[in-house]
PDB file of all heavy atoms in Angstrom:
ATOM      1  N   THR A   1      68.673 136.422 132.682  1.00  0.00           N
ATOM      2  CA  THR A   1      67.594 136.720 131.733  1.00  0.00           C
ATOM      3  C   THR A   1      67.321 138.209 131.654  1.00  0.00           C
ATOM      4  O   THR A   1      67.190 138.778 130.564  1.00  0.00           O
ATOM      5  CB  THR A   1      66.316 135.975 132.152  1.00  0.00           C
ATOM      6  OG1 THR A   1      66.583 134.570 132.196  1.00  0.00           O
ATOM      7  CG2 THR A   1      65.186 136.249 131.185  1.00  0.00           C
ATOM      8  N   VAL A   2      67.235 138.858 132.802  1.00  0.00           N
ATOM      9  CA  VAL A   2      66.970 140.296 132.842  1.00  0.00           C
ATOM     10  C   VAL A   2      68.079 141.074 132.139  1.00  0.00           C
ATOM     11  O   VAL A   2      67.816 142.011 131.364  1.00  0.00           O
ATOM     12  CB  VAL A   2      66.814 140.762 134.303  1.00  0.00           C
ATOM     13  CG1 VAL A   2      66.819 142.287 134.393  1.00  0.00           C
ATOM     14  CG2 VAL A   2      65.526 140.207 134.907  1.00  0.00           C
ATOM     15  N   ALA A   3      69.328 140.682 132.387  1.00  0.00           N
ATOM     16  CA  ALA A   3      70.453 141.384 131.764  1.00  0.00           C
ATOM     17  C   ALA A   3      70.386 141.290 130.244  1.00  0.00           C
ATOM     18  O   ALA A   3      70.615 142.278 129.535  1.00  0.00           O
ATOM     19  CB  ALA A   3      71.761 140.795 132.272  1.00  0.00           C
ATOM     20  N   LEU A   4      70.058 140.113 129.737  1.00  0.00           N
ATOM     21  CA  LEU A   4      69.992 139.916 128.296  1.00  0.00           C
ATOM     22  C   LEU A   4      68.898 140.769 127.656  1.00  0.00           C
ATOM     23  O   LEU A   4      69.080 141.329 126.568  1.00  0.00           O
ATOM     24  CB  LEU A   4      69.753 138.431 127.990  1.00  0.00           C
ATOM     25  CG  LEU A   4      69.954 137.952 126.557  1.00  0.00           C
ATOM     26  CD1 LEU A   4      71.377 138.206 126.101  1.00  0.00           C
ATOM     27  CD2 LEU A   4      69.606 136.487 126.436  1.00  0.00           C
ATOM     28  N   GLU A   5      67.779 140.893 128.344  1.00  0.00           N
ATOM     29  CA  GLU A   5      66.648 141.636 127.784  1.00  0.00           C
ATOM     30  C   GLU A   5      66.759 143.149 127.994  1.00  0.00           C
ATOM     31  O   GLU A   5      66.240 143.920 127.195  1.00  0.00           O
ATOM     32  CB  GLU A   5      65.337 141.133 128.405  1.00  0.00           C
ATOM     33  CG  GLU A   5      65.015 139.677 128.074  1.00  0.00           C
ATOM     34  CD  GLU A   5      64.739 139.460 126.595  1.00  0.00           C
ATOM     35  OE1 GLU A   5      64.452 140.429 125.888  1.00  0.00           O
ATOM     36  OE2 GLU A   5      64.821 138.298 126.149  1.00  0.00           O
ATOM     37  N   PHE A   6      67.424 143.584 129.067  1.00  0.00           N
ATOM     38  CA  PHE A   6      67.467 145.005 129.416  1.00  0.00           C
ATOM     39  C   PHE A   6      68.597 145.767 128.747  1.00  0.00           C
ATOM     40  O   PHE A   6      68.486 146.971 128.560  1.00  0.00           O
ATOM     41  CB  PHE A   6      67.606 145.170 130.936  1.00  0.00           C
ATOM     42  CG  PHE A   6      66.301 145.068 131.680  1.00  0.00           C
ATOM     43  CD1 PHE A   6      65.192 144.450 131.117  1.00  0.00           C
ATOM     44  CD2 PHE A   6      66.170 145.590 132.962  1.00  0.00           C
ATOM     45  CE1 PHE A   6      63.998 144.344 131.797  1.00  0.00           C
ATOM     46  CE2 PHE A   6      64.972 145.493 133.655  1.00  0.00           C
ATOM     47  CZ  PHE A   6      63.888 144.871 133.069  1.00  0.00           C
ATOM     48  N   ARG A   7      69.697 145.080 128.385  1.00  0.00           N
ATOM     49  CA  ARG A   7      70.913 145.801 128.019  1.00  0.00           C
ATOM     50  C   ARG A   7      70.743 146.725 126.815  1.00  0.00           C
ATOM     51  O   ARG A   7      71.384 147.768 126.714  1.00  0.00           O
ATOM     52  CB  ARG A   7      72.068 144.830 127.806  1.00  0.00           C
ATOM     53  CG  ARG A   7      71.954 143.833 126.674  1.00  0.00           C
ATOM     54  CD  ARG A   7      72.613 144.282 125.383  1.00  0.00           C
ATOM     55  NE  ARG A   7      74.002 144.646 125.563  1.00  0.00           N
ATOM     56  CZ  ARG A   7      74.676 145.332 124.665  1.00  0.00           C
ATOM     57  NH1 ARG A   7      74.078 145.763 123.547  1.00  0.00           N
ATOM     58  NH2 ARG A   7      75.950 145.638 124.855  1.00  0.00           N
ATOM     59  N   SER A   8      69.890 146.368 125.861  1.00  0.00           N
ATOM     60  CA  SER A   8      69.732 147.187 124.660  1.00  0.00           C
ATOM     61  C   SER A   8      68.541 148.128 124.723  1.00  0.00           C
ATOM     62  O   SER A   8      68.184 148.740 123.708  1.00  0.00           O
ATOM     63  CB  SER A   8      69.620 146.287 123.423  1.00  0.00           C
ATOM     64  OG  SER A   8      70.812 145.574 123.208  1.00  0.00           O
ATOM     65  N   LYS A   9      67.944 148.292 125.899  1.00  0.00           N
ATOM     66  CA  LYS A   9      66.808 149.209 126.026  1.00  0.00           C
ATOM     67  C   LYS A   9      67.251 150.669 126.095  1.00  0.00           C
ATOM     68  O   LYS A   9      66.450 151.574 125.911  1.00  0.00           O
ATOM     69  CB  LYS A   9      65.989 148.869 127.283  1.00  0.00           C
ATOM     70  CG  LYS A   9      65.410 147.454 127.300  1.00  0.00           C
ATOM     71  CD  LYS A   9      64.503 147.190 126.112  1.00  0.00           C
ATOM     72  CE  LYS A   9      63.919 145.782 126.178  1.00  0.00           C
ATOM     73  NZ  LYS A   9      63.091 145.471 124.992  1.00  0.00           N
ATOM     74  N   GLU A  10      68.543 150.884 126.362  1.00  0.00           N
ATOM     75  CA  GLU A  10      69.100 152.238 126.413  1.00  0.00           C
ATOM     76  C   GLU A  10      70.374 152.285 125.585  1.00  0.00           C
ATOM     77  O   GLU A  10      71.085 151.288 125.457  1.00  0.00           O
ATOM     78  CB  GLU A  10      69.418 152.642 127.857  1.00  0.00           C
ATOM     79  CG  GLU A  10      68.206 152.726 128.775  1.00  0.00           C
ATOM     80  CD  GLU A  10      67.351 153.949 128.511  1.00  0.00           C
ATOM     81  OE1 GLU A  10      67.852 154.871 127.823  1.00  0.00           O
ATOM     82  OE2 GLU A  10      66.197 153.983 128.981  1.00  0.00           O
ATOM     83  N   GLU A  11      70.672 153.467 125.035  1.00  0.00           N
ATOM     84  CA  GLU A  11      71.880 153.644 124.231  1.00  0.00           C
ATOM     85  C   GLU A  11      73.108 153.971 125.076  1.00  0.00           C
ATOM     86  O   GLU A  11      74.237 153.880 124.588  1.00  0.00           O
ATOM     87  CB  GLU A  11      71.663 154.765 123.205  1.00  0.00           C
ATOM     88  CG  GLU A  11      70.582 154.470 122.166  1.00  0.00           C
ATOM     89  CD  GLU A  11      71.010 153.402 121.172  1.00  0.00           C
ATOM     90  OE1 GLU A  11      72.222 153.172 121.040  1.00  0.00           O
ATOM     91  OE2 GLU A  11      70.116 152.804 120.544  1.00  0.00           O
ATOM     92  N   ASP A  12      72.892 154.359 126.329  1.00  0.00           N
ATOM     93  CA  ASP A  12      73.992 154.760 127.202  1.00  0.00           C
ATOM     94  C   ASP A  12      75.014 153.620 127.324  1.00  0.00           C
ATOM     95  O   ASP A  12      74.672 152.520 127.755  1.00  0.00           O
ATOM     96  CB  ASP A  12      73.437 155.112 128.586  1.00  0.00           C
ATOM     97  CG  ASP A  12      74.500 155.673 129.512  1.00  0.00           C
ATOM     98  OD1 ASP A  12      75.680 155.726 129.117  1.00  0.00           O
ATOM     99  OD2 ASP A  12      74.150 156.056 130.643  1.00  0.00           O
ATOM    100  N   PRO A  13      76.296 153.883 126.983  1.00  0.00           N
ATOM    101  CA  PRO A  13      77.316 152.827 127.071  1.00  0.00           C
ATOM    102  C   PRO A  13      77.470 152.267 128.482  1.00  0.00           C
ATOM    103  O   PRO A  13      77.739 151.072 128.654  1.00  0.00           O
ATOM    104  CB  PRO A  13      78.601 153.535 126.612  1.00  0.00           C
ATOM    105  CG  PRO A  13      78.128 154.672 125.768  1.00  0.00           C
ATOM    106  CD  PRO A  13      76.832 155.112 126.391  1.00  0.00           C
ATOM    107  N   ARG A  14      77.315 153.129 129.509  1.00  0.00           N
ATOM    108  CA  ARG A  14      77.464 152.639 130.885  1.00  0.00           C
ATOM    109  C   ARG A  14      76.328 151.683 131.238  1.00  0.00           C
ATOM    110  O   ARG A  14      76.534 150.690 131.935  1.00  0.00           O
ATOM    111  CB  ARG A  14      77.497 153.810 131.857  1.00  0.00           C
ATOM    112  CG  ARG A  14      78.776 154.639 131.770  1.00  0.00           C
ATOM    113  CD  ARG A  14      78.693 155.862 132.626  1.00  0.00           C
ATOM    114  NE  ARG A  14      77.599 156.760 132.225  1.00  0.00           N
ATOM    115  CZ  ARG A  14      77.310 157.905 132.818  1.00  0.00           C
ATOM    116  NH1 ARG A  14      78.022 158.303 133.868  1.00  0.00           N
ATOM    117  NH2 ARG A  14      76.324 158.661 132.381  1.00  0.00           N
ATOM    118  N   TRP A  15      75.111 151.985 130.784  1.00  0.00           N
ATOM    119  CA  TRP A  15      73.970 151.092 130.994  1.00  0.00           C
ATOM    120  C   TRP A  15      74.244 149.722 130.366  1.00  0.00           C
ATOM    121  O   TRP A  15      74.071 148.685 130.998  1.00  0.00           O
ATOM    122  CB  TRP A  15      72.726 151.739 130.389  1.00  0.00           C
ATOM    123  CG  TRP A  15      71.521 150.855 130.274  1.00  0.00           C
ATOM    124  CD1 TRP A  15      71.222 150.017 129.239  1.00  0.00           C
ATOM    125  CD2 TRP A  15      70.446 150.719 131.217  1.00  0.00           C
ATOM    126  NE1 TRP A  15      70.039 149.366 129.456  1.00  0.00           N
ATOM    127  CE2 TRP A  15      69.529 149.782 130.666  1.00  0.00           C
ATOM    128  CE3 TRP A  15      70.153 151.302 132.443  1.00  0.00           C
ATOM    129  CZ2 TRP A  15      68.356 149.410 131.311  1.00  0.00           C
ATOM    130  CZ3 TRP A  15      68.982 150.930 133.089  1.00  0.00           C
ATOM    131  CH2 TRP A  15      68.096 150.005 132.534  1.00  0.00           C
ATOM    132  N   ARG A  16      74.682 149.739 129.113  1.00  0.00           N
ATOM    133  CA  ARG A  16      74.933 148.487 128.399  1.00  0.00           C
ATOM    134  C   ARG A  16      76.088 147.707 129.020  1.00  0.00           C
ATOM    135  O   ARG A  16      76.014 146.482 129.167  1.00  0.00           O
ATOM    136  CB  ARG A  16      75.206 148.765 126.923  1.00  0.00           C
ATOM    137  CG  ARG A  16      73.994 149.322 126.193  1.00  0.00           C
ATOM    138  CD  ARG A  16      74.195 149.378 124.695  1.00  0.00           C
ATOM    139  NE  ARG A  16      72.942 149.662 124.011  1.00  0.00           N
ATOM    140  CZ  ARG A  16      72.755 149.546 122.705  1.00  0.00           C
ATOM    141  NH1 ARG A  16      73.756 149.154 121.934  1.00  0.00           N
ATOM    142  NH2 ARG A  16      71.583 149.810 122.160  1.00  0.00           N
ATOM    143  N   SER A  17      77.147 148.412 129.389  1.00  0.00           N
ATOM    144  CA  SER A  17      78.293 147.729 129.992  1.00  0.00           C
ATOM    145  C   SER A  17      77.921 147.088 131.324  1.00  0.00           C
ATOM    146  O   SER A  17      78.383 145.978 131.642  1.00  0.00           O
ATOM    147  CB  SER A  17      79.448 148.716 130.192  1.00  0.00           C
ATOM    148  OG  SER A  17      79.918 149.200 128.951  1.00  0.00           O
ATOM    149  N   ALA A  18      77.084 147.773 132.094  1.00  0.00           N
ATOM    150  CA  ALA A  18      76.665 147.234 133.396  1.00  0.00           C
ATOM    151  C   ALA A  18      75.869 145.938 133.214  1.00  0.00           C
ATOM    152  O   ALA A  18      76.125 144.927 133.897  1.00  0.00           O
ATOM    153  CB  ALA A  18      75.841 148.269 134.152  1.00  0.00           C
ATOM    154  N   TRP A  19      74.923 145.945 132.274  1.00  0.00           N
ATOM    155  CA  TRP A  19      74.125 144.738 132.064  1.00  0.00           C
ATOM    156  C   TRP A  19      74.934 143.632 131.403  1.00  0.00           C
ATOM    157  O   TRP A  19      74.695 142.441 131.667  1.00  0.00           O
ATOM    158  CB  TRP A  19      72.878 145.058 131.242  1.00  0.00           C
ATOM    159  CG  TRP A  19      71.821 145.774 132.022  1.00  0.00           C
ATOM    160  CD1 TRP A  19      71.345 147.031 131.810  1.00  0.00           C
ATOM    161  CD2 TRP A  19      71.112 145.264 133.165  1.00  0.00           C
ATOM    162  NE1 TRP A  19      70.382 147.348 132.742  1.00  0.00           N
ATOM    163  CE2 TRP A  19      70.219 146.277 133.587  1.00  0.00           C
ATOM    164  CE3 TRP A  19      71.152 144.069 133.871  1.00  0.00           C
ATOM    165  CZ2 TRP A  19      69.372 146.120 134.675  1.00  0.00           C
ATOM    166  CZ3 TRP A  19      70.314 143.903 134.969  1.00  0.00           C
ATOM    167  CH2 TRP A  19      69.431 144.918 135.356  1.00  0.00           C
ATOM    168  N   ASP A  20      75.913 144.004 130.564  1.00  0.00           N
ATOM    169  CA  ASP A  20      76.804 142.994 129.999  1.00  0.00           C
ATOM    170  C   ASP A  20      77.601 142.309 131.109  1.00  0.00           C
ATOM    171  O   ASP A  20      77.814 141.087 131.080  1.00  0.00           O
ATOM    172  CB  ASP A  20      77.764 143.620 128.989  1.00  0.00           C
ATOM    173  CG  ASP A  20      77.065 144.026 127.700  1.00  0.00           C
ATOM    174  OD1 ASP A  20      75.970 143.494 127.428  1.00  0.00           O
ATOM    175  OD2 ASP A  20      77.605 144.887 126.984  1.00  0.00           O
ATOM    176  N   ALA A  21      78.045 143.114 132.092  1.00  0.00           N
ATOM    177  CA  ALA A  21      78.776 142.537 133.224  1.00  0.00           C
ATOM    178  C   ALA A  21      77.881 141.593 134.025  1.00  0.00           C
ATOM    179  O   ALA A  21      78.309 140.513 134.443  1.00  0.00           O
ATOM    180  CB  ALA A  21      79.321 143.647 134.115  1.00  0.00           C
ATOM    181  N   VAL A  22      76.625 141.997 134.228  1.00  0.00           N
ATOM    182  CA  VAL A  22      75.683 141.133 134.950  1.00  0.00           C
ATOM    183  C   VAL A  22      75.473 139.828 134.188  1.00  0.00           C
ATOM    184  O   VAL A  22      75.469 138.734 134.779  1.00  0.00           O
ATOM    185  CB  VAL A  22      74.335 141.857 135.163  1.00  0.00           C
ATOM    186  CG1 VAL A  22      73.290 140.889 135.729  1.00  0.00           C
ATOM    187  CG2 VAL A  22      74.510 143.037 136.110  1.00  0.00           C
ATOM    188  N   PHE A  23      75.305 139.931 132.862  1.00  0.00           N
ATOM    189  CA  PHE A  23      75.079 138.726 132.069  1.00  0.00           C
ATOM    190  C   PHE A  23      76.300 137.801 132.114  1.00  0.00           C
ATOM    191  O   PHE A  23      76.165 136.584 132.286  1.00  0.00           O
ATOM    192  CB  PHE A  23      74.770 139.097 130.617  1.00  0.00           C
ATOM    193  CG  PHE A  23      74.512 137.911 129.739  1.00  0.00           C
ATOM    194  CD1 PHE A  23      73.334 137.188 129.854  1.00  0.00           C
ATOM    195  CD2 PHE A  23      75.446 137.506 128.797  1.00  0.00           C
ATOM    196  CE1 PHE A  23      73.085 136.079 129.054  1.00  0.00           C
ATOM    197  CE2 PHE A  23      75.210 136.400 127.992  1.00  0.00           C
ATOM    198  CZ  PHE A  23      74.031 135.689 128.126  1.00  0.00           C
ATOM    199  N   GLY A  24      77.489 138.374 131.954  1.00  0.00           N
ATOM    200  CA  GLY A  24      78.697 137.554 131.972  1.00  0.00           C
ATOM    201  C   GLY A  24      78.918 136.881 133.313  1.00  0.00           C
ATOM    202  O   GLY A  24      79.192 135.679 133.386  1.00  0.00           O
ATOM    203  N   LEU A  25      78.776 137.644 134.400  1.00  0.00           N
ATOM    204  CA  LEU A  25      79.023 137.096 135.734  1.00  0.00           C
ATOM    205  C   LEU A  25      77.942 136.093 136.140  1.00  0.00           C
ATOM    206  O   LEU A  25      78.239 135.087 136.788  1.00  0.00           O
ATOM    207  CB  LEU A  25      79.115 138.227 136.753  1.00  0.00           C
ATOM    208  CG  LEU A  25      80.324 139.163 136.590  1.00  0.00           C
ATOM    209  CD1 LEU A  25      80.238 140.328 137.556  1.00  0.00           C
ATOM    210  CD2 LEU A  25      81.635 138.395 136.787  1.00  0.00           C
ATOM    211  N   SER A  26      76.693 136.372 135.760  1.00  0.00           N
ATOM    212  CA  SER A  26      75.627 135.422 136.101  1.00  0.00           C
ATOM    213  C   SER A  26      75.756 134.132 135.288  1.00  0.00           C
ATOM    214  O   SER A  26      75.445 133.044 135.794  1.00  0.00           O
ATOM    215  CB  SER A  26      74.254 136.057 135.891  1.00  0.00           C
ATOM    216  OG  SER A  26      74.082 136.506 134.561  1.00  0.00           O
ATOM    217  N   SER A  27      76.221 134.216 134.047  1.00  0.00           N
ATOM    218  CA  SER A  27      76.473 133.004 133.264  1.00  0.00           C
ATOM    219  C   SER A  27      77.581 132.173 133.907  1.00  0.00           C
ATOM    220  O   SER A  27      77.463 130.944 134.032  1.00  0.00           O
ATOM    221  CB  SER A  27      76.872 133.363 131.828  1.00  0.00           C
ATOM    222  OG  SER A  27      75.828 134.031 131.156  1.00  0.00           O
ATOM    223  N   LEU A  28      78.637 132.864 134.332  1.00  0.00           N
ATOM    224  CA  LEU A  28      79.728 132.186 135.029  1.00  0.00           C
ATOM    225  C   LEU A  28      79.233 131.556 136.327  1.00  0.00           C
ATOM    226  O   LEU A  28      79.532 130.392 136.630  1.00  0.00           O
ATOM    227  CB  LEU A  28      80.856 133.188 135.318  1.00  0.00           C
ATOM    228  CG  LEU A  28      82.024 132.697 136.165  1.00  0.00           C
ATOM    229  CD1 LEU A  28      82.805 131.622 135.428  1.00  0.00           C
ATOM    230  CD2 LEU A  28      82.946 133.863 136.525  1.00  0.00           C
ATOM    231  N   GLY A  29      78.443 132.322 137.086  1.00  0.00           N
ATOM    232  CA  GLY A  29      77.938 131.824 138.358  1.00  0.00           C
ATOM    233  C   GLY A  29      77.005 130.647 138.193  1.00  0.00           C
ATOM    234  O   GLY A  29      77.064 129.672 138.961  1.00  0.00           O
ATOM    235  N   LEU A  30      76.138 130.688 137.174  1.00  0.00           N
ATOM    236  CA  LEU A  30      75.203 129.593 136.955  1.00  0.00           C
ATOM    237  C   LEU A  30      75.955 128.318 136.579  1.00  0.00           C
ATOM    238  O   LEU A  30      75.651 127.233 137.105  1.00  0.00           O
ATOM    239  CB  LEU A  30      74.212 129.958 135.850  1.00  0.00           C
ATOM    240  CG  LEU A  30      73.159 128.904 135.497  1.00  0.00           C
ATOM    241  CD1 LEU A  30      72.340 128.516 136.720  1.00  0.00           C
ATOM    242  CD2 LEU A  30      72.250 129.405 134.382  1.00  0.00           C
ATOM    243  N   ALA A  31      76.934 128.430 135.681  1.00  0.00           N
ATOM    244  CA  ALA A  31      77.720 127.254 135.299  1.00  0.00           C
ATOM    245  C   ALA A  31      78.449 126.678 136.513  1.00  0.00           C
ATOM    246  O   ALA A  31      78.482 125.452 136.715  1.00  0.00           O
ATOM    247  CB  ALA A  31      78.718 127.633 134.201  1.00  0.00           C
ATOM    248  N   PHE A  32      79.024 127.551 137.325  1.00  0.00           N
ATOM    249  CA  PHE A  32      79.763 127.110 138.509  1.00  0.00           C
ATOM    250  C   PHE A  32      78.844 126.404 139.499  1.00  0.00           C
ATOM    251  O   PHE A  32      79.182 125.341 140.039  1.00  0.00           O
ATOM    252  CB  PHE A  32      80.431 128.321 139.157  1.00  0.00           C
ATOM    253  CG  PHE A  32      81.398 127.977 140.261  1.00  0.00           C
ATOM    254  CD1 PHE A  32      82.473 127.148 140.023  1.00  0.00           C
ATOM    255  CD2 PHE A  32      81.231 128.505 141.529  1.00  0.00           C
ATOM    256  CE1 PHE A  32      83.366 126.828 141.038  1.00  0.00           C
ATOM    257  CE2 PHE A  32      82.115 128.196 142.539  1.00  0.00           C
ATOM    258  CZ  PHE A  32      83.190 127.359 142.298  1.00  0.00           C
ATOM    259  N   MET A  33      77.652 126.959 139.716  1.00  0.00           N
ATOM    260  CA  MET A  33      76.727 126.354 140.679  1.00  0.00           C
ATOM    261  C   MET A  33      76.150 125.038 140.166  1.00  0.00           C
ATOM    262  O   MET A  33      75.940 124.105 140.952  1.00  0.00           O
ATOM    263  CB  MET A  33      75.615 127.342 141.016  1.00  0.00           C
ATOM    264  CG  MET A  33      76.069 128.451 141.954  1.00  0.00           C
ATOM    265  SD  MET A  33      74.722 129.501 142.529  1.00  0.00           S
ATOM    266  CE  MET A  33      74.478 130.527 141.109  1.00  0.00           C
ATOM    267  N   LEU A  34      75.914 124.930 138.867  1.00  0.00           N
ATOM    268  CA  LEU A  34      75.461 123.654 138.319  1.00  0.00           C
ATOM    269  C   LEU A  34      76.533 122.587 138.509  1.00  0.00           C
ATOM    270  O   LEU A  34      76.221 121.428 138.828  1.00  0.00           O
ATOM    271  CB  LEU A  34      75.126 123.803 136.837  1.00  0.00           C
ATOM    272  CG  LEU A  34      73.855 124.594 136.502  1.00  0.00           C
ATOM    273  CD1 LEU A  34      73.717 124.762 134.984  1.00  0.00           C
ATOM    274  CD2 LEU A  34      72.612 123.914 137.058  1.00  0.00           C
ATOM    275  N   GLY A  35      77.781 122.973 138.325  1.00  0.00           N
ATOM    276  CA  GLY A  35      78.877 122.035 138.557  1.00  0.00           C
ATOM    277  C   GLY A  35      78.978 121.621 140.016  1.00  0.00           C
ATOM    278  O   GLY A  35      79.204 120.444 140.328  1.00  0.00           O
ATOM    279  N   ILE A  36      78.797 122.573 140.927  1.00  0.00           N
ATOM    280  CA  ILE A  36      78.815 122.245 142.352  1.00  0.00           C
ATOM    281  C   ILE A  36      77.685 121.284 142.693  1.00  0.00           C
ATOM    282  O   ILE A  36      77.861 120.322 143.446  1.00  0.00           O
ATOM    283  CB  ILE A  36      78.719 123.536 143.193  1.00  0.00           C
ATOM    284  CG1 ILE A  36      80.033 124.323 143.104  1.00  0.00           C
ATOM    285  CG2 ILE A  36      78.390 123.223 144.654  1.00  0.00           C
ATOM    286  CD1 ILE A  36      79.989 125.665 143.790  1.00  0.00           C
ATOM    287  N   ALA A  37      76.501 121.522 142.118  1.00  0.00           N
ATOM    288  CA  ALA A  37      75.363 120.631 142.361  1.00  0.00           C
ATOM    289  C   ALA A  37      75.678 119.223 141.876  1.00  0.00           C
ATOM    290  O   ALA A  37      75.427 118.237 142.593  1.00  0.00           O
ATOM    291  CB  ALA A  37      74.121 121.176 141.664  1.00  0.00           C
ATOM    292  N   PHE A  38      76.232 119.102 140.679  1.00  0.00           N
ATOM    293  CA  PHE A  38      76.563 117.780 140.146  1.00  0.00           C
ATOM    294  C   PHE A  38      77.642 117.118 140.998  1.00  0.00           C
ATOM    295  O   PHE A  38      77.593 115.903 141.251  1.00  0.00           O
ATOM    296  CB  PHE A  38      77.019 117.896 138.700  1.00  0.00           C
ATOM    297  CG  PHE A  38      77.291 116.572 138.040  1.00  0.00           C
ATOM    298  CD1 PHE A  38      76.251 115.716 137.727  1.00  0.00           C
ATOM    299  CD2 PHE A  38      78.588 116.180 137.733  1.00  0.00           C
ATOM    300  CE1 PHE A  38      76.488 114.489 137.125  1.00  0.00           C
ATOM    301  CE2 PHE A  38      78.841 114.957 137.141  1.00  0.00           C
ATOM    302  CZ  PHE A  38      77.786 114.110 136.830  1.00  0.00           C
ATOM    303  N   GLY A  39      78.621 117.912 141.437  1.00  0.00           N
ATOM    304  CA  GLY A  39      79.672 117.363 142.284  1.00  0.00           C
ATOM    305  C   GLY A  39      79.130 116.789 143.579  1.00  0.00           C
ATOM    306  O   GLY A  39      79.583 115.738 144.053  1.00  0.00           O
ATOM    307  N   ASN A  40      78.136 117.456 144.160  1.00  0.00           N
ATOM    308  CA  ASN A  40      77.533 116.955 145.390  1.00  0.00           C
ATOM    309  C   ASN A  40      76.690 115.709 145.155  1.00  0.00           C
ATOM    310  O   ASN A  40      76.654 114.808 146.001  1.00  0.00           O
ATOM    311  CB  ASN A  40      76.682 118.051 146.042  1.00  0.00           C
ATOM    312  CG  ASN A  40      77.510 119.006 146.880  1.00  0.00           C
ATOM    313  OD1 ASN A  40      77.863 118.716 148.016  1.00  0.00           O
ATOM    314  ND2 ASN A  40      77.840 120.153 146.302  1.00  0.00           N
TER     315      ASN A  40
END
């Protein structure tokens, strides 16, 4: 949630790329953990 809301608060490409990476990895992690929960 934070990554989605923060990424466009600055124009710096490094700022945006960092938050995009957080959003992508956290989306991947959340999907993976939900699957692990269902598997258990």
